[in-house]
Amino acid sequence: MSSVLLIHHISCGFFRTPFAALSYGQGGILARGPYVIHCLLIELDAEAGGGLALVDTGLSERDIENPLLRLGIGMTLGGGATRGMSALRHVQRLGFQAGDVKHILMTHLDKDHAGGLEDFPGAQVHVHPAELRAAMQRRRLIDRQRYSGLHFSHKPNWQVLDTQSARKWQEEFRAFTVPGLSEKILMVDLPGHSAGHCGVAIETIRGWLLHCGDAVYHGSWLQSAKRRPPLLIQGVEMLLQSDARARALTRAKLQRLTARGGAKVFASHDPVAFKELGGMV
């Protein structure tokens, strides 16, 4: 079983939301909010076979080259990436190759999280069964907006989580082990944003890290149950949620986890946490 050797915090794209004062909480009304797409590149213990694991993949090289076709007009106008920001380029800059990525752990399969899957066709892609089902079927209007069939056309090596073998993690969360990885890396059930949304928990020498995906969009949610992010971001969170009640319950659990210091929790798009954790653009 592979163990964690080193974690790299990488941003594989960005969102530049308009009206920063309303969408980010800082800056002028005409400025843009500096949201990131926070992915993790994990170096695994060589004694256990080595290799790399990714948590989400952000945008691919092809997404960057042709955003309108592959991401849609909304993300093209409000987000994107500069050349060299893809997970593939981060991997290569660190001296590795695409084939060194053995595992990809998906918080969910939205366009801005799953675009880079095609850059790592040999990796095992671990995903919640409900998330994979929603992304493949795309029955609802919101699903046709959030998932792109182009990102799955290379037929990823899907590894569906065994949700029947969930274990308790940090008192009130359901967690799943990942085949081929040690229990120092777990996928955590965080429903509400999408059909099978998960977080990824990693045990380090300093304690647990929890990448909570899009369970929240803004770090203020995690600071206090009484804090609220800017109104525009709250609206986006509501627009993209799959289950309002489940999302609220997940958020409350994350607030309690943060308050008791059970883990360092951070979200996919929070630039403050990304910087604090030593993020690399």
C-alpha atoms as a PDB file:
ATOM      1  CA  MET A   1       0.000   0.000   0.000  1.00  0.00           C
ATOM      2  CA  SER A   2       1.361   3.409  -0.984  1.00  0.00           C
ATOM      3  CA  SER A   3       1.930   6.063   1.670  1.00  0.00           C
ATOM      4  CA  VAL A   4       2.232   9.818   1.337  1.00  0.00           C
ATOM      5  CA  LEU A   5       5.724  11.149   0.768  1.00  0.00           C
ATOM      6  CA  LEU A   6       5.149  14.758  -0.297  1.00  0.00           C
ATOM      7  CA  ILE A   7       2.143  16.956  -1.196  1.00  0.00           C
ATOM      8  CA  HIS A   8       2.283  19.713  -3.812  1.00  0.00           C
ATOM      9  CA  HIS A   9      -0.518  22.292  -3.882  1.00  0.00           C
ATOM     10  CA  ILE A  10      -1.091  23.339  -7.494  1.00  0.00           C
ATOM     11  CA  SER A  11      -3.638  25.558  -9.236  1.00  0.00           C
ATOM     12  CA  CYS A  12      -4.753  24.087 -12.546  1.00  0.00           C
ATOM     13  CA  GLY A  13      -6.753  27.040 -13.790  1.00  0.00           C
ATOM     14  CA  PHE A  14      -8.598  29.974 -12.258  1.00  0.00           C
ATOM     15  CA  PHE A  15     -11.836  31.916 -12.047  1.00  0.00           C
ATOM     16  CA  ARG A  16     -11.809  35.691 -12.429  1.00  0.00           C
ATOM     17  CA  THR A  17     -15.294  36.510 -11.197  1.00  0.00           C
ATOM     18  CA  PRO A  18     -16.596  39.996 -12.059  1.00  0.00           C
ATOM     19  CA  PHE A  19     -17.488  42.572  -9.408  1.00  0.00           C
ATOM     20  CA  ALA A  20     -14.855  41.494  -6.880  1.00  0.00           C
ATOM     21  CA  ALA A  21     -16.488  43.372  -4.002  1.00  0.00           C
ATOM     22  CA  LEU A  22     -19.617  41.247  -4.442  1.00  0.00           C
ATOM     23  CA  SER A  23     -18.061  38.004  -5.634  1.00  0.00           C
ATOM     24  CA  TYR A  24     -14.943  37.869  -3.468  1.00  0.00           C
ATOM     25  CA  GLY A  25     -15.494  40.347  -0.631  1.00  0.00           C
ATOM     26  CA  GLN A  26     -12.487  42.513  -1.447  1.00  0.00           C
ATOM     27  CA  GLY A  27     -11.453  44.869  -4.219  1.00  0.00           C
ATOM     28  CA  GLY A  28     -13.285  47.407  -6.296  1.00  0.00           C
ATOM     29  CA  ILE A  29     -16.606  46.849  -7.970  1.00  0.00           C
ATOM     30  CA  LEU A  30     -14.902  46.673 -11.379  1.00  0.00           C
ATOM     31  CA  ALA A  31     -12.092  44.360 -10.226  1.00  0.00           C
ATOM     32  CA  ARG A  32     -12.257  40.583 -10.623  1.00  0.00           C
ATOM     33  CA  GLY A  33     -12.140  37.986  -7.854  1.00  0.00           C
ATOM     34  CA  PRO A  34      -8.941  35.840  -7.812  1.00  0.00           C
ATOM     35  CA  TYR A  35     -10.333  32.328  -7.382  1.00  0.00           C
ATOM     36  CA  VAL A  36      -8.077  29.316  -7.987  1.00  0.00           C
ATOM     37  CA  ILE A  37      -8.641  25.682  -9.008  1.00  0.00           C
ATOM     38  CA  HIS A  38      -6.778  23.976  -6.165  1.00  0.00           C
ATOM     39  CA  CYS A  39      -5.562  20.467  -7.002  1.00  0.00           C
ATOM     40  CA  LEU A  40      -3.102  18.244  -5.145  1.00  0.00           C
ATOM     41  CA  LEU A  41      -0.172  16.310  -6.555  1.00  0.00           C
ATOM     42  CA  ILE A  42       0.924  13.641  -4.079  1.00  0.00           C
ATOM     43  CA  GLU A  43       4.224  11.804  -4.247  1.00  0.00           C
ATOM     44  CA  LEU A  44       3.796   8.272  -2.925  1.00  0.00           C
ATOM     45  CA  ASP A  45       6.276   6.197  -0.953  1.00  0.00           C
ATOM     46  CA  ALA A  46       8.740   4.476  -3.295  1.00  0.00           C
ATOM     47  CA  GLU A  47       8.846   1.380  -1.060  1.00  0.00           C
ATOM     48  CA  ALA A  48       5.210   0.796  -1.879  1.00  0.00           C
ATOM     49  CA  GLY A  49       5.561   1.160  -5.624  1.00  0.00           C
ATOM     50  CA  GLY A  50       5.911   4.934  -5.762  1.00  0.00           C
ATOM     51  CA  GLY A  51       4.298   7.026  -8.404  1.00  0.00           C
ATOM     52  CA  LEU A  52       1.969   9.971  -8.076  1.00  0.00           C
ATOM     53  CA  ALA A  53      -1.633  10.603  -7.126  1.00  0.00           C
ATOM     54  CA  LEU A  54      -3.710  13.617  -8.099  1.00  0.00           C
ATOM     55  CA  VAL A  55      -6.676  15.083  -6.279  1.00  0.00           C
ATOM     56  CA  ASP A  56      -8.742  16.553  -9.140  1.00  0.00           C
ATOM     57  CA  THR A  57      -7.125  17.578 -12.414  1.00  0.00           C
ATOM     58  CA  GLY A  58      -8.349  21.081 -13.177  1.00  0.00           C
ATOM     59  CA  LEU A  59      -8.215  22.102 -16.823  1.00  0.00           C
ATOM     60  CA  SER A  60      -6.416  20.211 -19.560  1.00  0.00           C
ATOM     61  CA  GLU A  61      -4.068  21.517 -22.205  1.00  0.00           C
ATOM     62  CA  ARG A  62      -6.878  21.228 -24.757  1.00  0.00           C
ATOM     63  CA  ASP A  63      -9.277  23.156 -22.478  1.00  0.00           C
ATOM     64  CA  ILE A  64      -6.755  25.989 -22.349  1.00  0.00           C
ATOM     65  CA  GLU A  65      -6.359  26.007 -26.130  1.00  0.00           C
ATOM     66  CA  ASN A  66     -10.094  25.895 -26.947  1.00  0.00           C
ATOM     67  CA  PRO A  67     -12.101  26.998 -23.889  1.00  0.00           C
ATOM     68  CA  LEU A  68     -15.318  27.985 -25.669  1.00  0.00           C
ATOM     69  CA  LEU A  69     -15.830  24.529 -27.201  1.00  0.00           C
ATOM     70  CA  ARG A  70     -14.700  22.522 -24.192  1.00  0.00           C
ATOM     71  CA  LEU A  71     -15.830  24.613 -21.207  1.00  0.00           C
ATOM     72  CA  GLY A  72     -18.738  26.694 -22.463  1.00  0.00           C
ATOM     73  CA  ILE A  73     -19.280  30.409 -22.573  1.00  0.00           C
ATOM     74  CA  GLY A  74     -19.743  30.892 -18.822  1.00  0.00           C
ATOM     75  CA  MET A  75     -16.369  29.459 -17.875  1.00  0.00           C
ATOM     76  CA  THR A  76     -14.714  31.055 -20.890  1.00  0.00           C
ATOM     77  CA  LEU A  77     -15.810  34.511 -19.783  1.00  0.00           C
ATOM     78  CA  GLY A  78     -15.235  33.993 -16.057  1.00  0.00           C
ATOM     79  CA  GLY A  79     -12.414  31.495 -15.865  1.00  0.00           C
ATOM     80  CA  GLY A  80      -9.761  29.589 -17.720  1.00  0.00           C
ATOM     81  CA  ALA A  81      -6.025  29.163 -17.434  1.00  0.00           C
ATOM     82  CA  THR A  82      -2.797  30.394 -18.894  1.00  0.00           C
ATOM     83  CA  ARG A  83      -0.523  28.004 -20.750  1.00  0.00           C
ATOM     84  CA  GLY A  84       1.489  25.895 -18.375  1.00  0.00           C
ATOM     85  CA  MET A  85      -1.157  25.767 -15.622  1.00  0.00           C
ATOM     86  CA  SER A  86      -2.466  22.295 -16.400  1.00  0.00           C
ATOM     87  CA  ALA A  87      -1.771  19.409 -14.021  1.00  0.00           C
ATOM     88  CA  LEU A  88       0.289  17.788 -16.787  1.00  0.00           C
ATOM     89  CA  ARG A  89       2.635  20.771 -16.964  1.00  0.00           C
ATOM     90  CA  HIS A  90       2.966  20.853 -13.161  1.00  0.00           C
ATOM     91  CA  VAL A  91       3.855  17.154 -13.193  1.00  0.00           C
ATOM     92  CA  GLN A  92       6.474  17.705 -15.872  1.00  0.00           C
ATOM     93  CA  ARG A  93       8.015  20.732 -14.137  1.00  0.00           C
ATOM     94  CA  LEU A  94       8.565  18.594 -11.048  1.00  0.00           C
ATOM     95  CA  GLY A  95      10.549  16.101 -13.119  1.00  0.00           C
ATOM     96  CA  PHE A  96       7.848  13.463 -13.673  1.00  0.00           C
ATOM     97  CA  GLN A  97       5.882  12.164 -16.656  1.00  0.00           C
ATOM     98  CA  ALA A  98       2.170  11.666 -17.214  1.00  0.00           C
ATOM     99  CA  GLY A  99       2.595   7.910 -16.793  1.00  0.00           C
ATOM    100  CA  ASP A 100       3.882   8.414 -13.257  1.00  0.00           C
ATOM    101  CA  VAL A 101       0.361   9.418 -12.182  1.00  0.00           C
ATOM    102  CA  LYS A 102      -1.136   6.127 -10.991  1.00  0.00           C
ATOM    103  CA  HIS A 103      -4.225   7.380  -9.149  1.00  0.00           C
ATOM    104  CA  ILE A 104      -6.616  10.307  -9.570  1.00  0.00           C
ATOM    105  CA  LEU A 105      -9.075  10.973  -6.755  1.00  0.00           C
ATOM    106  CA  MET A 106     -12.022  13.031  -7.949  1.00  0.00           C
ATOM    107  CA  THR A 107     -13.963  15.238  -5.563  1.00  0.00           C
ATOM    108  CA  HIS A 108     -16.497  15.443  -8.404  1.00  0.00           C
ATOM    109  CA  LEU A 109     -16.563  15.576 -12.196  1.00  0.00           C
ATOM    110  CA  ASP A 110     -17.477  19.186 -12.977  1.00  0.00           C
ATOM    111  CA  LYS A 111     -15.690  20.665 -15.998  1.00  0.00           C
ATOM    112  CA  ASP A 112     -13.206  22.678 -13.943  1.00  0.00           C
ATOM    113  CA  HIS A 113     -12.209  19.610 -11.900  1.00  0.00           C
ATOM    114  CA  ALA A 114     -12.171  16.825 -14.501  1.00  0.00           C
ATOM    115  CA  GLY A 115     -10.798  18.537 -17.603  1.00  0.00           C
ATOM    116  CA  GLY A 116      -7.282  17.218 -17.103  1.00  0.00           C
ATOM    117  CA  LEU A 117      -8.298  13.556 -16.917  1.00  0.00           C
ATOM    118  CA  GLU A 118      -7.462  13.085 -20.589  1.00  0.00           C
ATOM    119  CA  ASP A 119      -3.843  14.096 -19.936  1.00  0.00           C
ATOM    120  CA  PHE A 120      -3.413  10.977 -17.747  1.00  0.00           C
ATOM    121  CA  PRO A 121      -5.093   8.144 -19.665  1.00  0.00           C
ATOM    122  CA  GLY A 122      -3.250   5.402 -17.773  1.00  0.00           C
ATOM    123  CA  ALA A 123      -4.317   6.465 -14.279  1.00  0.00           C
ATOM    124  CA  GLN A 124      -6.975   4.789 -12.155  1.00  0.00           C
ATOM    125  CA  VAL A 125      -9.726   7.364 -11.601  1.00  0.00           C
ATOM    126  CA  HIS A 126     -11.491   6.952  -8.247  1.00  0.00           C
ATOM    127  CA  VAL A 127     -14.986   8.407  -8.073  1.00  0.00           C
ATOM    128  CA  HIS A 128     -18.243   8.051  -6.151  1.00  0.00           C
ATOM    129  CA  PRO A 129     -20.745   5.879  -8.078  1.00  0.00           C
ATOM    130  CA  ALA A 130     -23.516   8.502  -7.905  1.00  0.00           C
ATOM    131  CA  GLU A 131     -21.164  11.115  -9.360  1.00  0.00           C
ATOM    132  CA  LEU A 132     -20.105   8.899 -12.240  1.00  0.00           C
ATOM    133  CA  ARG A 133     -23.713   7.986 -12.987  1.00  0.00           C
ATOM    134  CA  ALA A 134     -24.786  11.649 -13.087  1.00  0.00           C
ATOM    135  CA  ALA A 135     -21.845  12.636 -15.297  1.00  0.00           C
ATOM    136  CA  MET A 136     -22.447   9.829 -17.770  1.00  0.00           C
ATOM    137  CA  GLN A 137     -26.228  10.225 -18.006  1.00  0.00           C
ATOM    138  CA  ARG A 138     -26.485  14.035 -17.762  1.00  0.00           C
ATOM    139  CA  ARG A 139     -30.254  13.836 -17.484  1.00  0.00           C
ATOM    140  CA  ARG A 140     -30.901  17.153 -15.740  1.00  0.00           C
ATOM    141  CA  LEU A 141     -30.280  20.574 -17.240  1.00  0.00           C
ATOM    142  CA  ILE A 142     -27.758  21.426 -14.519  1.00  0.00           C
ATOM    143  CA  ASP A 143     -25.872  18.199 -15.244  1.00  0.00           C
ATOM    144  CA  ARG A 144     -25.641  19.060 -18.940  1.00  0.00           C
ATOM    145  CA  GLN A 145     -24.089  22.371 -17.905  1.00  0.00           C
ATOM    146  CA  ARG A 146     -21.653  21.096 -15.278  1.00  0.00           C
ATOM    147  CA  TYR A 147     -20.296  17.959 -16.998  1.00  0.00           C
ATOM    148  CA  SER A 148     -18.642  17.705 -20.403  1.00  0.00           C
ATOM    149  CA  GLY A 149     -18.661  14.473 -22.350  1.00  0.00           C
ATOM    150  CA  LEU A 150     -15.483  15.666 -24.098  1.00  0.00           C
ATOM    151  CA  HIS A 151     -13.605  15.213 -20.837  1.00  0.00           C
ATOM    152  CA  PHE A 152     -14.515  11.519 -20.722  1.00  0.00           C
ATOM    153  CA  SER A 153     -14.208  10.644 -24.412  1.00  0.00           C
ATOM    154  CA  HIS A 154     -10.855   8.905 -23.840  1.00  0.00           C
ATOM    155  CA  LYS A 155     -12.703   6.376 -21.635  1.00  0.00           C
ATOM    156  CA  PRO A 156     -11.000   6.838 -18.256  1.00  0.00           C
ATOM    157  CA  ASN A 157     -10.096   3.820 -16.151  1.00  0.00           C
ATOM    158  CA  TRP A 158     -12.925   4.375 -13.676  1.00  0.00           C
ATOM    159  CA  GLN A 159     -12.569   2.853 -10.218  1.00  0.00           C
ATOM    160  CA  VAL A 160     -15.906   3.215  -8.456  1.00  0.00           C
ATOM    161  CA  LEU A 161     -15.831   3.568  -4.676  1.00  0.00           C
ATOM    162  CA  ASP A 162     -17.369   0.779  -2.631  1.00  0.00           C
ATOM    163  CA  THR A 163     -19.835   2.890  -0.665  1.00  0.00           C
ATOM    164  CA  GLN A 164     -21.062  -0.155   1.262  1.00  0.00           C
ATOM    165  CA  SER A 165     -17.741  -0.388   3.095  1.00  0.00           C
ATOM    166  CA  ALA A 166     -17.747   3.152   4.490  1.00  0.00           C
ATOM    167  CA  ARG A 167     -16.007   3.789   7.793  1.00  0.00           C
ATOM    168  CA  LYS A 168     -16.443   6.595  10.296  1.00  0.00           C
ATOM    169  CA  TRP A 169     -13.928   9.429  10.087  1.00  0.00           C
ATOM    170  CA  GLN A 170     -13.562  12.382  12.470  1.00  0.00           C
ATOM    171  CA  GLU A 171     -16.734  11.545  14.439  1.00  0.00           C
ATOM    172  CA  GLU A 172     -19.465  12.364  11.912  1.00  0.00           C
ATOM    173  CA  PHE A 173     -18.176  11.725   8.387  1.00  0.00           C
ATOM    174  CA  ARG A 174     -18.398   8.637   6.168  1.00  0.00           C
ATOM    175  CA  ALA A 175     -15.079   7.797   4.517  1.00  0.00           C
ATOM    176  CA  PHE A 176     -14.011   5.295   1.880  1.00  0.00           C
ATOM    177  CA  THR A 177     -10.664   3.591   1.429  1.00  0.00           C
ATOM    178  CA  VAL A 178      -9.064   3.810  -2.010  1.00  0.00           C
ATOM    179  CA  PRO A 179      -7.813   0.549  -3.545  1.00  0.00           C
ATOM    180  CA  GLY A 180      -4.053   0.642  -3.963  1.00  0.00           C
ATOM    181  CA  LEU A 181      -3.573   3.428  -1.415  1.00  0.00           C
ATOM    182  CA  SER A 182      -3.051   3.288   2.325  1.00  0.00           C
ATOM    183  CA  GLU A 183      -5.620   4.492   4.830  1.00  0.00           C
ATOM    184  CA  LYS A 184      -3.606   7.691   5.126  1.00  0.00           C
ATOM    185  CA  ILE A 185      -5.569   8.779   2.043  1.00  0.00           C
ATOM    186  CA  LEU A 186      -9.355   8.545   2.262  1.00  0.00           C
ATOM    187  CA  MET A 187     -12.273   9.805   0.212  1.00  0.00           C
ATOM    188  CA  VAL A 188     -14.899  11.444   2.402  1.00  0.00           C
ATOM    189  CA  ASP A 189     -18.619  11.669   1.666  1.00  0.00           C
ATOM    190  CA  LEU A 190     -19.533  15.387   1.368  1.00  0.00           C
ATOM    191  CA  PRO A 191     -22.888  15.408  -0.442  1.00  0.00           C
ATOM    192  CA  GLY A 192     -24.867  18.374  -1.674  1.00  0.00           C
ATOM    193  CA  HIS A 193     -22.891  20.216  -4.327  1.00  0.00           C
ATOM    194  CA  SER A 194     -23.167  17.408  -6.877  1.00  0.00           C
ATOM    195  CA  ALA A 195     -24.678  13.943  -6.974  1.00  0.00           C
ATOM    196  CA  GLY A 196     -21.681  12.121  -5.510  1.00  0.00           C
ATOM    197  CA  HIS A 197     -19.467  14.889  -4.185  1.00  0.00           C
ATOM    198  CA  CYS A 198     -16.524  13.825  -1.994  1.00  0.00           C
ATOM    199  CA  GLY A 199     -13.603  15.339  -0.174  1.00  0.00           C
ATOM    200  CA  VAL A 200     -10.131  13.824   0.062  1.00  0.00           C
ATOM    201  CA  ALA A 201      -8.495  13.447   3.495  1.00  0.00           C
ATOM    202  CA  ILE A 202      -4.738  12.962   3.810  1.00  0.00           C
ATOM    203  CA  GLU A 203      -2.939  12.150   7.048  1.00  0.00           C
ATOM    204  CA  THR A 204       0.371  14.007   7.375  1.00  0.00           C
ATOM    205  CA  ILE A 205       2.907  14.336  10.177  1.00  0.00           C
ATOM    206  CA  ARG A 206       1.113  17.566  11.166  1.00  0.00           C
ATOM    207  CA  GLY A 207      -2.343  16.003  11.208  1.00  0.00           C
ATOM    208  CA  TRP A 208      -5.128  15.574   8.693  1.00  0.00           C
ATOM    209  CA  LEU A 209      -5.684  17.716   5.604  1.00  0.00           C
ATOM    210  CA  LEU A 210      -9.143  17.727   4.033  1.00  0.00           C
ATOM    211  CA  HIS A 211      -9.595  18.970   0.486  1.00  0.00           C
ATOM    212  CA  CYS A 212     -13.348  19.578   0.601  1.00  0.00           C
ATOM    213  CA  GLY A 213     -13.809  20.243  -3.110  1.00  0.00           C
ATOM    214  CA  ASP A 214     -16.773  22.510  -3.779  1.00  0.00           C
ATOM    215  CA  ALA A 215     -18.602  21.720  -0.534  1.00  0.00           C
ATOM    216  CA  VAL A 216     -18.017  25.432   0.063  1.00  0.00           C
ATOM    217  CA  TYR A 217     -16.719  28.025  -2.390  1.00  0.00           C
ATOM    218  CA  HIS A 218     -15.397  30.623   0.038  1.00  0.00           C
ATOM    219  CA  GLY A 219     -13.201  30.189   3.124  1.00  0.00           C
ATOM    220  CA  SER A 220     -15.412  32.367   5.307  1.00  0.00           C
ATOM    221  CA  TRP A 221     -17.885  29.477   5.568  1.00  0.00           C
ATOM    222  CA  LEU A 222     -15.254  27.500   7.484  1.00  0.00           C
ATOM    223  CA  GLN A 223     -14.269  30.237   9.918  1.00  0.00           C
ATOM    224  CA  SER A 224     -17.587  30.386  11.764  1.00  0.00           C
ATOM    225  CA  ALA A 225     -21.158  29.189  11.391  1.00  0.00           C
ATOM    226  CA  LYS A 226     -22.135  32.877  11.574  1.00  0.00           C
ATOM    227  CA  ARG A 227     -19.853  33.984   8.733  1.00  0.00           C
ATOM    228  CA  ARG A 228     -21.139  34.275   5.205  1.00  0.00           C
ATOM    229  CA  PRO A 229     -19.324  34.728   1.886  1.00  0.00           C
ATOM    230  CA  PRO A 230     -20.258  37.522  -0.521  1.00  0.00           C
ATOM    231  CA  LEU A 231     -23.841  37.397  -1.771  1.00  0.00           C
ATOM    232  CA  LEU A 232     -22.917  36.695  -5.371  1.00  0.00           C
ATOM    233  CA  ILE A 233     -20.942  33.603  -4.374  1.00  0.00           C
ATOM    234  CA  GLN A 234     -23.789  32.383  -2.174  1.00  0.00           C
ATOM    235  CA  GLY A 235     -26.020  32.672  -5.234  1.00  0.00           C
ATOM    236  CA  VAL A 236     -23.625  30.636  -7.374  1.00  0.00           C
ATOM    237  CA  GLU A 237     -23.408  27.950  -4.678  1.00  0.00           C
ATOM    238  CA  MET A 238     -27.207  27.691  -4.612  1.00  0.00           C
ATOM    239  CA  LEU A 239     -27.452  27.644  -8.407  1.00  0.00           C
ATOM    240  CA  LEU A 240     -25.023  24.731  -8.727  1.00  0.00           C
ATOM    241  CA  GLN A 241     -26.138  22.641  -5.758  1.00  0.00           C
ATOM    242  CA  SER A 242     -27.576  19.194  -6.300  1.00  0.00           C
ATOM    243  CA  ASP A 243     -29.282  18.905  -2.900  1.00  0.00           C
ATOM    244  CA  ALA A 244     -29.809  22.012  -0.745  1.00  0.00           C
ATOM    245  CA  ARG A 245     -30.428  20.162   2.519  1.00  0.00           C
ATOM    246  CA  ALA A 246     -27.437  17.849   2.078  1.00  0.00           C
ATOM    247  CA  ARG A 247     -25.190  20.798   1.198  1.00  0.00           C
ATOM    248  CA  ALA A 248     -26.226  22.666   4.360  1.00  0.00           C
ATOM    249  CA  LEU A 249     -25.606  19.585   6.532  1.00  0.00           C
ATOM    250  CA  THR A 250     -22.189  19.037   4.934  1.00  0.00           C
ATOM    251  CA  ARG A 251     -21.247  22.660   5.513  1.00  0.00           C
ATOM    252  CA  ALA A 252     -22.255  22.456   9.175  1.00  0.00           C
ATOM    253  CA  LYS A 253     -20.131  19.320   9.663  1.00  0.00           C
ATOM    254  CA  LEU A 254     -17.139  21.037   8.089  1.00  0.00           C
ATOM    255  CA  GLN A 255     -17.596  24.035  10.362  1.00  0.00           C
ATOM    256  CA  ARG A 256     -17.617  21.779  13.424  1.00  0.00           C
ATOM    257  CA  LEU A 257     -14.586  19.857  12.169  1.00  0.00           C
ATOM    258  CA  THR A 258     -12.681  23.100  11.677  1.00  0.00           C
ATOM    259  CA  ALA A 259     -13.723  24.459  15.074  1.00  0.00           C
ATOM    260  CA  ARG A 260     -12.449  21.414  16.961  1.00  0.00           C
ATOM    261  CA  GLY A 261      -9.215  21.261  14.959  1.00  0.00           C
ATOM    262  CA  GLY A 262      -9.807  17.789  13.574  1.00  0.00           C
ATOM    263  CA  ALA A 263      -8.309  18.690  10.203  1.00  0.00           C
ATOM    264  CA  LYS A 264      -7.051  21.572   8.129  1.00  0.00           C
ATOM    265  CA  VAL A 265      -9.981  22.044   5.774  1.00  0.00           C
ATOM    266  CA  PHE A 266      -9.677  23.928   2.494  1.00  0.00           C
ATOM    267  CA  ALA A 267     -11.855  24.348  -0.571  1.00  0.00           C
ATOM    268  CA  SER A 268     -11.066  24.087  -4.268  1.00  0.00           C
ATOM    269  CA  HIS A 269     -11.431  27.733  -5.140  1.00  0.00           C
ATOM    270  CA  ASP A 270     -10.240  29.578  -2.020  1.00  0.00           C
ATOM    271  CA  PRO A 271      -7.100  31.602  -2.901  1.00  0.00           C
ATOM    272  CA  VAL A 272      -6.322  32.423   0.746  1.00  0.00           C
ATOM    273  CA  ALA A 273      -6.006  28.778   1.834  1.00  0.00           C
ATOM    274  CA  PHE A 274      -4.105  27.997  -1.371  1.00  0.00           C
ATOM    275  CA  LYS A 275      -1.491  30.613  -0.500  1.00  0.00           C
ATOM    276  CA  GLU A 276      -1.317  29.531   3.154  1.00  0.00           C
ATOM    277  CA  LEU A 277      -0.604  25.959   2.103  1.00  0.00           C
ATOM    278  CA  GLY A 278       2.237  26.994  -0.183  1.00  0.00           C
ATOM    279  CA  GLY A 279       0.309  26.767  -3.412  1.00  0.00           C
ATOM    280  CA  MET A 280       2.154  26.846  -6.718  1.00  0.00           C
ATOM    281  CA  VAL A 281       0.566  28.527  -9.752  1.00  0.00           C
END
